[in-house]
């Protein structure tokens, strides 16, 4: 058992070392097959600190909603990403700003939305909705299920995904990838699925879900730059 634990810890440590110092991923988002936005995400690592930013720019009439910005920062540990601050902003509307602060010493998550402040217990391995996808760079799915506490800045919930298949081929403008296919294991309406690119540091190369109106939303990788 001790030998197995040591091997697992060695794998996690090696994954942290192998993760890139900087990564820029660009996606095209479609609604029922029609493009409506471009998403640019940047991961930067400086020693034991990281920063993540995601900018969604609408296309055509969707540009009227303004840019959607997600930002996450925190530490890089042997277990992967450990966020300390998350924020989300839609356009220039301050009332729609969302933030979350992670106090790991006190094991408390503080969330702010619409002028209200809420707190929740902070569980080990918790992520925000942006760092969640990039945690797989450090801890790719090893078993048949992924269970991870995640905050949206409004609330904390446990995400549960099952591994539907491995080494599935995904074609995109950025290239062809072998991917790990994750499907939502909860009985939700969004039916969210992720394809993690094995040759793309296990970031999502495709994401699929349903919106509140039942429309199919897909986000597919169009370019990837790694340093």
C-alpha atoms as a PDB file:
ATOM      1  CA  UNK A   1       0.000   0.000   0.000  1.00  0.00           C
ATOM      2  CA  UNK A   2       2.817   2.418   0.870  1.00  0.00           C
ATOM      3  CA  UNK A   3       4.559   1.597  -2.395  1.00  0.00           C
ATOM      4  CA  UNK A   4       1.358   2.241  -4.353  1.00  0.00           C
ATOM      5  CA  UNK A   5       0.861   5.572  -2.555  1.00  0.00           C
ATOM      6  CA  UNK A   6       4.449   6.567  -3.365  1.00  0.00           C
ATOM      7  CA  UNK A   7       3.903   5.751  -7.045  1.00  0.00           C
ATOM      8  CA  UNK A   8       0.721   7.829  -7.135  1.00  0.00           C
ATOM      9  CA  UNK A   9       2.462  10.799  -5.517  1.00  0.00           C
ATOM     10  CA  UNK A  10       5.354  10.448  -7.977  1.00  0.00           C
ATOM     11  CA  UNK A  11       2.889  10.483 -10.889  1.00  0.00           C
ATOM     12  CA  UNK A  12       1.194  13.640  -9.553  1.00  0.00           C
ATOM     13  CA  UNK A  13       4.547  15.372  -9.017  1.00  0.00           C
ATOM     14  CA  UNK A  14       5.718  14.472 -12.527  1.00  0.00           C
ATOM     15  CA  UNK A  15       2.438  15.777 -13.978  1.00  0.00           C
ATOM     16  CA  UNK A  16       2.987  19.096 -12.222  1.00  0.00           C
ATOM     17  CA  UNK A  17       6.506  19.343 -13.646  1.00  0.00           C
ATOM     18  CA  UNK A  18       5.338  18.436 -17.160  1.00  0.00           C
ATOM     19  CA  UNK A  19       2.560  21.044 -17.250  1.00  0.00           C
ATOM     20  CA  UNK A  20       3.357  24.033 -19.493  1.00  0.00           C
ATOM     21  CA  UNK A  21       4.517  27.412 -18.215  1.00  0.00           C
ATOM     22  CA  UNK A  22       2.158  29.200 -20.585  1.00  0.00           C
ATOM     23  CA  UNK A  23      -0.713  28.037 -22.749  1.00  0.00           C
ATOM     24  CA  UNK A  24      -3.153  29.890 -24.978  1.00  0.00           C
ATOM     25  CA  UNK A  25      -6.200  28.036 -26.279  1.00  0.00           C
ATOM     26  CA  UNK A  26      -8.741  29.515 -28.696  1.00  0.00           C
ATOM     27  CA  UNK A  27     -12.187  27.975 -29.170  1.00  0.00           C
ATOM     28  CA  UNK A  28     -15.173  28.546 -31.396  1.00  0.00           C
ATOM     29  CA  UNK A  29     -18.550  28.327 -29.670  1.00  0.00           C
ATOM     30  CA  UNK A  30     -21.652  27.270 -31.606  1.00  0.00           C
ATOM     31  CA  UNK A  31     -25.360  27.133 -30.786  1.00  0.00           C
ATOM     32  CA  UNK A  32     -27.212  24.399 -32.655  1.00  0.00           C
ATOM     33  CA  UNK A  33     -24.301  24.348 -35.092  1.00  0.00           C
ATOM     34  CA  UNK A  34     -24.180  28.121 -35.702  1.00  0.00           C
ATOM     35  CA  UNK A  35     -21.100  30.077 -34.488  1.00  0.00           C
ATOM     36  CA  UNK A  36     -21.964  32.725 -31.894  1.00  0.00           C
ATOM     37  CA  UNK A  37     -18.709  33.432 -30.012  1.00  0.00           C
ATOM     38  CA  UNK A  38     -14.938  33.005 -29.852  1.00  0.00           C
ATOM     39  CA  UNK A  39     -13.274  32.082 -26.567  1.00  0.00           C
ATOM     40  CA  UNK A  40      -9.614  32.785 -25.755  1.00  0.00           C
ATOM     41  CA  UNK A  41      -8.120  31.219 -22.623  1.00  0.00           C
ATOM     42  CA  UNK A  42      -4.650  31.848 -21.263  1.00  0.00           C
ATOM     43  CA  UNK A  43      -2.858  29.873 -18.544  1.00  0.00           C
ATOM     44  CA  UNK A  44       0.359  31.342 -17.090  1.00  0.00           C
ATOM     45  CA  UNK A  45       2.552  29.767 -14.448  1.00  0.00           C
ATOM     46  CA  UNK A  46       5.207  31.698 -12.513  1.00  0.00           C
ATOM     47  CA  UNK A  47       6.958  29.366 -10.109  1.00  0.00           C
ATOM     48  CA  UNK A  48       4.355  28.181  -7.622  1.00  0.00           C
ATOM     49  CA  UNK A  49       1.704  30.667  -8.756  1.00  0.00           C
ATOM     50  CA  UNK A  50      -0.719  30.520 -11.673  1.00  0.00           C
ATOM     51  CA  UNK A  51      -3.112  32.858 -13.460  1.00  0.00           C
ATOM     52  CA  UNK A  52      -5.976  31.878 -15.755  1.00  0.00           C
ATOM     53  CA  UNK A  53      -8.081  34.163 -17.915  1.00  0.00           C
ATOM     54  CA  UNK A  54     -10.954  33.351 -20.253  1.00  0.00           C
ATOM     55  CA  UNK A  55     -12.426  35.969 -22.612  1.00  0.00           C
ATOM     56  CA  UNK A  56     -15.602  35.233 -24.596  1.00  0.00           C
ATOM     57  CA  UNK A  57     -16.346  37.631 -27.459  1.00  0.00           C
ATOM     58  CA  UNK A  58     -19.710  37.338 -29.147  1.00  0.00           C
ATOM     59  CA  UNK A  59     -20.129  37.227 -32.926  1.00  0.00           C
ATOM     60  CA  UNK A  60     -22.712  39.361 -34.739  1.00  0.00           C
ATOM     61  CA  UNK A  61     -25.727  40.207 -32.603  1.00  0.00           C
ATOM     62  CA  UNK A  62     -24.169  38.308 -29.677  1.00  0.00           C
ATOM     63  CA  UNK A  63     -21.414  40.955 -29.521  1.00  0.00           C
ATOM     64  CA  UNK A  64     -24.025  43.332 -28.055  1.00  0.00           C
ATOM     65  CA  UNK A  65     -23.879  41.417 -24.767  1.00  0.00           C
ATOM     66  CA  UNK A  66     -20.262  42.517 -24.246  1.00  0.00           C
ATOM     67  CA  UNK A  67     -17.249  40.432 -23.378  1.00  0.00           C
ATOM     68  CA  UNK A  68     -17.495  37.748 -20.712  1.00  0.00           C
ATOM     69  CA  UNK A  69     -14.352  37.525 -18.590  1.00  0.00           C
ATOM     70  CA  UNK A  70     -13.462  34.780 -16.138  1.00  0.00           C
ATOM     71  CA  UNK A  71     -10.318  35.028 -14.039  1.00  0.00           C
ATOM     72  CA  UNK A  72      -8.699  32.608 -11.597  1.00  0.00           C
ATOM     73  CA  UNK A  73      -5.447  32.794  -9.676  1.00  0.00           C
ATOM     74  CA  UNK A  74      -3.779  30.727  -7.009  1.00  0.00           C
ATOM     75  CA  UNK A  75      -1.063  28.213  -6.256  1.00  0.00           C
ATOM     76  CA  UNK A  76       0.419  25.261  -8.112  1.00  0.00           C
ATOM     77  CA  UNK A  77       0.865  22.395  -5.659  1.00  0.00           C
ATOM     78  CA  UNK A  78       1.827  18.729  -5.837  1.00  0.00           C
ATOM     79  CA  UNK A  79      -1.926  18.016  -6.118  1.00  0.00           C
ATOM     80  CA  UNK A  80      -2.395  20.526  -8.940  1.00  0.00           C
ATOM     81  CA  UNK A  81      -4.160  23.890  -8.906  1.00  0.00           C
ATOM     82  CA  UNK A  82      -5.305  25.448  -5.648  1.00  0.00           C
ATOM     83  CA  UNK A  83      -7.309  28.624  -6.388  1.00  0.00           C
ATOM     84  CA  UNK A  84      -7.211  31.595  -4.048  1.00  0.00           C
ATOM     85  CA  UNK A  85      -9.413  34.023  -6.023  1.00  0.00           C
ATOM     86  CA  UNK A  86     -11.992  33.772  -8.819  1.00  0.00           C
ATOM     87  CA  UNK A  87     -14.057  36.426 -10.554  1.00  0.00           C
ATOM     88  CA  UNK A  88     -16.501  36.686 -13.438  1.00  0.00           C
ATOM     89  CA  UNK A  89     -17.687  39.791 -15.281  1.00  0.00           C
ATOM     90  CA  UNK A  90     -20.199  40.168 -18.109  1.00  0.00           C
ATOM     91  CA  UNK A  91     -19.690  43.305 -20.190  1.00  0.00           C
ATOM     92  CA  UNK A  92     -19.640  46.576 -18.242  1.00  0.00           C
ATOM     93  CA  UNK A  93     -22.395  45.619 -15.826  1.00  0.00           C
ATOM     94  CA  UNK A  94     -20.993  45.747 -12.260  1.00  0.00           C
ATOM     95  CA  UNK A  95     -24.205  44.251 -10.865  1.00  0.00           C
ATOM     96  CA  UNK A  96     -23.442  41.003 -12.704  1.00  0.00           C
ATOM     97  CA  UNK A  97     -19.954  40.667 -11.219  1.00  0.00           C
ATOM     98  CA  UNK A  98     -19.292  37.438  -9.320  1.00  0.00           C
ATOM     99  CA  UNK A  99     -16.297  36.579  -7.135  1.00  0.00           C
ATOM    100  CA  UNK A 100     -15.062  33.864  -4.813  1.00  0.00           C
ATOM    101  CA  UNK A 101     -12.179  33.850  -2.341  1.00  0.00           C
ATOM    102  CA  UNK A 102     -10.633  30.630  -1.048  1.00  0.00           C
ATOM    103  CA  UNK A 103      -9.326  30.721   2.525  1.00  0.00           C
ATOM    104  CA  UNK A 104      -7.565  27.371   2.722  1.00  0.00           C
ATOM    105  CA  UNK A 105      -6.227  27.947   6.246  1.00  0.00           C
ATOM    106  CA  UNK A 106      -9.759  28.484   7.573  1.00  0.00           C
ATOM    107  CA  UNK A 107     -11.294  26.005   5.087  1.00  0.00           C
ATOM    108  CA  UNK A 108     -13.848  28.646   4.079  1.00  0.00           C
ATOM    109  CA  UNK A 109     -15.088  29.807   0.682  1.00  0.00           C
ATOM    110  CA  UNK A 110     -16.500  33.353   0.497  1.00  0.00           C
ATOM    111  CA  UNK A 111     -18.714  34.147  -2.510  1.00  0.00           C
ATOM    112  CA  UNK A 112     -20.024  37.574  -3.547  1.00  0.00           C
ATOM    113  CA  UNK A 113     -22.888  38.165  -5.996  1.00  0.00           C
ATOM    114  CA  UNK A 114     -25.407  41.009  -6.380  1.00  0.00           C
ATOM    115  CA  UNK A 115     -24.057  42.716  -3.282  1.00  0.00           C
ATOM    116  CA  UNK A 116     -24.592  39.642  -1.137  1.00  0.00           C
ATOM    117  CA  UNK A 117     -21.883  37.609   0.576  1.00  0.00           C
ATOM    118  CA  UNK A 118     -22.230  33.884   1.266  1.00  0.00           C
ATOM    119  CA  UNK A 119     -19.842  31.412   2.836  1.00  0.00           C
ATOM    120  CA  UNK A 120     -19.458  27.672   2.444  1.00  0.00           C
ATOM    121  CA  UNK A 121     -17.091  24.991   3.763  1.00  0.00           C
ATOM    122  CA  UNK A 122     -14.026  24.628   1.558  1.00  0.00           C
ATOM    123  CA  UNK A 123     -13.286  21.019   0.696  1.00  0.00           C
ATOM    124  CA  UNK A 124      -9.880  19.657  -0.302  1.00  0.00           C
ATOM    125  CA  UNK A 125      -9.330  19.791  -4.048  1.00  0.00           C
ATOM    126  CA  UNK A 126     -12.033  22.427  -4.646  1.00  0.00           C
ATOM    127  CA  UNK A 127     -11.847  24.415  -7.888  1.00  0.00           C
ATOM    128  CA  UNK A 128     -13.653  27.307  -9.561  1.00  0.00           C
ATOM    129  CA  UNK A 129     -15.434  26.874 -12.903  1.00  0.00           C
ATOM    130  CA  UNK A 130     -12.372  28.105 -14.817  1.00  0.00           C
ATOM    131  CA  UNK A 131      -9.605  26.239 -12.976  1.00  0.00           C
ATOM    132  CA  UNK A 132     -11.720  23.070 -13.053  1.00  0.00           C
ATOM    133  CA  UNK A 133     -10.893  22.328 -16.706  1.00  0.00           C
ATOM    134  CA  UNK A 134      -7.194  23.101 -16.251  1.00  0.00           C
ATOM    135  CA  UNK A 135      -6.813  20.914 -13.181  1.00  0.00           C
ATOM    136  CA  UNK A 136      -6.732  17.980 -15.625  1.00  0.00           C
ATOM    137  CA  UNK A 137      -3.315  19.199 -16.845  1.00  0.00           C
ATOM    138  CA  UNK A 138      -2.009  18.129 -13.445  1.00  0.00           C
ATOM    139  CA  UNK A 139      -4.413  15.292 -12.599  1.00  0.00           C
ATOM    140  CA  UNK A 140      -5.775  13.514 -15.688  1.00  0.00           C
ATOM    141  CA  UNK A 141      -8.628  11.083 -14.948  1.00  0.00           C
ATOM    142  CA  UNK A 142      -7.126   7.796 -13.767  1.00  0.00           C
ATOM    143  CA  UNK A 143     -10.217   5.827 -12.817  1.00  0.00           C
ATOM    144  CA  UNK A 144     -13.753   5.565 -14.144  1.00  0.00           C
ATOM    145  CA  UNK A 145     -15.112   8.644 -12.382  1.00  0.00           C
ATOM    146  CA  UNK A 146     -14.155  12.256 -11.672  1.00  0.00           C
ATOM    147  CA  UNK A 147     -15.537  13.871  -8.503  1.00  0.00           C
ATOM    148  CA  UNK A 148     -14.587  17.476  -7.820  1.00  0.00           C
ATOM    149  CA  UNK A 149     -16.082  20.303  -5.676  1.00  0.00           C
ATOM    150  CA  UNK A 150     -16.491  23.387  -7.895  1.00  0.00           C
ATOM    151  CA  UNK A 151     -17.738  26.922  -7.258  1.00  0.00           C
ATOM    152  CA  UNK A 152     -19.443  29.174  -9.795  1.00  0.00           C
ATOM    153  CA  UNK A 153     -18.982  32.153  -7.487  1.00  0.00           C
ATOM    154  CA  UNK A 154     -22.666  31.894  -6.603  1.00  0.00           C
ATOM    155  CA  UNK A 155     -22.666  28.458  -5.015  1.00  0.00           C
ATOM    156  CA  UNK A 156     -20.527  25.390  -4.412  1.00  0.00           C
ATOM    157  CA  UNK A 157     -21.485  22.012  -5.826  1.00  0.00           C
ATOM    158  CA  UNK A 158     -19.827  18.675  -6.479  1.00  0.00           C
ATOM    159  CA  UNK A 159     -19.224  17.869 -10.153  1.00  0.00           C
ATOM    160  CA  UNK A 160     -19.429  14.189 -11.040  1.00  0.00           C
ATOM    161  CA  UNK A 161     -18.308  12.850 -14.410  1.00  0.00           C
ATOM    162  CA  UNK A 162     -17.774   9.315 -15.619  1.00  0.00           C
ATOM    163  CA  UNK A 163     -15.222   8.244 -18.195  1.00  0.00           C
ATOM    164  CA  UNK A 164     -17.292   7.122 -21.211  1.00  0.00           C
ATOM    165  CA  UNK A 165     -14.279   6.167 -23.353  1.00  0.00           C
ATOM    166  CA  UNK A 166     -10.572   6.723 -23.782  1.00  0.00           C
ATOM    167  CA  UNK A 167      -8.435   7.333 -26.879  1.00  0.00           C
ATOM    168  CA  UNK A 168     -11.446   8.560 -28.832  1.00  0.00           C
ATOM    169  CA  UNK A 169     -10.476  10.564 -31.953  1.00  0.00           C
ATOM    170  CA  UNK A 170     -11.457  14.238 -32.031  1.00  0.00           C
ATOM    171  CA  UNK A 171     -10.914  16.358 -35.144  1.00  0.00           C
ATOM    172  CA  UNK A 172     -10.667  20.119 -34.772  1.00  0.00           C
ATOM    173  CA  UNK A 173      -9.155  23.102 -36.560  1.00  0.00           C
ATOM    174  CA  UNK A 174      -6.263  22.853 -34.108  1.00  0.00           C
ATOM    175  CA  UNK A 175      -5.535  19.251 -35.165  1.00  0.00           C
ATOM    176  CA  UNK A 176      -6.492  15.658 -34.465  1.00  0.00           C
ATOM    177  CA  UNK A 177      -6.375  14.461 -30.878  1.00  0.00           C
ATOM    178  CA  UNK A 178      -6.860  11.305 -28.880  1.00  0.00           C
ATOM    179  CA  UNK A 179      -9.152  12.268 -26.048  1.00  0.00           C
ATOM    180  CA  UNK A 180     -10.684  11.083 -22.807  1.00  0.00           C
ATOM    181  CA  UNK A 181     -14.458  11.470 -23.102  1.00  0.00           C
ATOM    182  CA  UNK A 182     -16.187  12.552 -19.879  1.00  0.00           C
ATOM    183  CA  UNK A 183     -19.971  12.671 -19.500  1.00  0.00           C
ATOM    184  CA  UNK A 184     -22.025  14.220 -16.724  1.00  0.00           C
ATOM    185  CA  UNK A 185     -22.899  11.517 -14.199  1.00  0.00           C
ATOM    186  CA  UNK A 186     -25.602  13.667 -12.563  1.00  0.00           C
ATOM    187  CA  UNK A 187     -29.238  13.768 -13.628  1.00  0.00           C
ATOM    188  CA  UNK A 188     -28.964  17.364 -14.898  1.00  0.00           C
ATOM    189  CA  UNK A 189     -30.582  18.971 -17.900  1.00  0.00           C
ATOM    190  CA  UNK A 190     -27.344  20.385 -19.386  1.00  0.00           C
ATOM    191  CA  UNK A 191     -25.955  16.924 -20.356  1.00  0.00           C
ATOM    192  CA  UNK A 192     -22.440  18.364 -20.276  1.00  0.00           C
ATOM    193  CA  UNK A 193     -19.628  16.408 -21.912  1.00  0.00           C
ATOM    194  CA  UNK A 194     -15.893  17.085 -22.148  1.00  0.00           C
ATOM    195  CA  UNK A 195     -13.203  15.638 -24.405  1.00  0.00           C
ATOM    196  CA  UNK A 196      -9.750  16.037 -22.809  1.00  0.00           C
ATOM    197  CA  UNK A 197      -6.930  16.011 -25.366  1.00  0.00           C
ATOM    198  CA  UNK A 198      -4.156  13.591 -24.351  1.00  0.00           C
ATOM    199  CA  UNK A 199      -1.708  15.396 -26.691  1.00  0.00           C
ATOM    200  CA  UNK A 200      -3.020  18.790 -25.578  1.00  0.00           C
ATOM    201  CA  UNK A 201      -2.009  18.556 -21.895  1.00  0.00           C
ATOM    202  CA  UNK A 202      -5.499  17.154 -21.145  1.00  0.00           C
ATOM    203  CA  UNK A 203      -7.281  20.482 -21.559  1.00  0.00           C
ATOM    204  CA  UNK A 204     -10.716  20.233 -23.216  1.00  0.00           C
ATOM    205  CA  UNK A 205     -10.515  20.059 -27.012  1.00  0.00           C
ATOM    206  CA  UNK A 206     -14.318  19.922 -27.173  1.00  0.00           C
ATOM    207  CA  UNK A 207     -17.140  20.737 -24.757  1.00  0.00           C
ATOM    208  CA  UNK A 208     -20.827  20.019 -25.350  1.00  0.00           C
ATOM    209  CA  UNK A 209     -23.876  20.925 -23.263  1.00  0.00           C
ATOM    210  CA  UNK A 210     -27.507  22.052 -23.400  1.00  0.00           C
ATOM    211  CA  UNK A 211     -28.503  25.581 -22.425  1.00  0.00           C
ATOM    212  CA  UNK A 212     -31.636  26.523 -20.452  1.00  0.00           C
ATOM    213  CA  UNK A 213     -33.669  26.560 -23.670  1.00  0.00           C
ATOM    214  CA  UNK A 214     -32.526  23.111 -24.758  1.00  0.00           C
ATOM    215  CA  UNK A 215     -30.181  24.391 -27.486  1.00  0.00           C
ATOM    216  CA  UNK A 216     -26.970  22.427 -28.070  1.00  0.00           C
ATOM    217  CA  UNK A 217     -23.895  24.475 -27.185  1.00  0.00           C
ATOM    218  CA  UNK A 218     -20.489  23.262 -28.372  1.00  0.00           C
ATOM    219  CA  UNK A 219     -17.042  24.720 -27.805  1.00  0.00           C
ATOM    220  CA  UNK A 220     -14.289  23.331 -30.047  1.00  0.00           C
ATOM    221  CA  UNK A 221     -10.559  24.061 -30.026  1.00  0.00           C
ATOM    222  CA  UNK A 222      -9.379  26.053 -33.053  1.00  0.00           C
ATOM    223  CA  UNK A 223      -5.784  26.843 -32.035  1.00  0.00           C
ATOM    224  CA  UNK A 224      -3.344  25.963 -29.270  1.00  0.00           C
ATOM    225  CA  UNK A 225      -0.036  27.606 -28.391  1.00  0.00           C
ATOM    226  CA  UNK A 226       2.145  26.126 -25.641  1.00  0.00           C
ATOM    227  CA  UNK A 227       5.422  27.320 -24.112  1.00  0.00           C
END
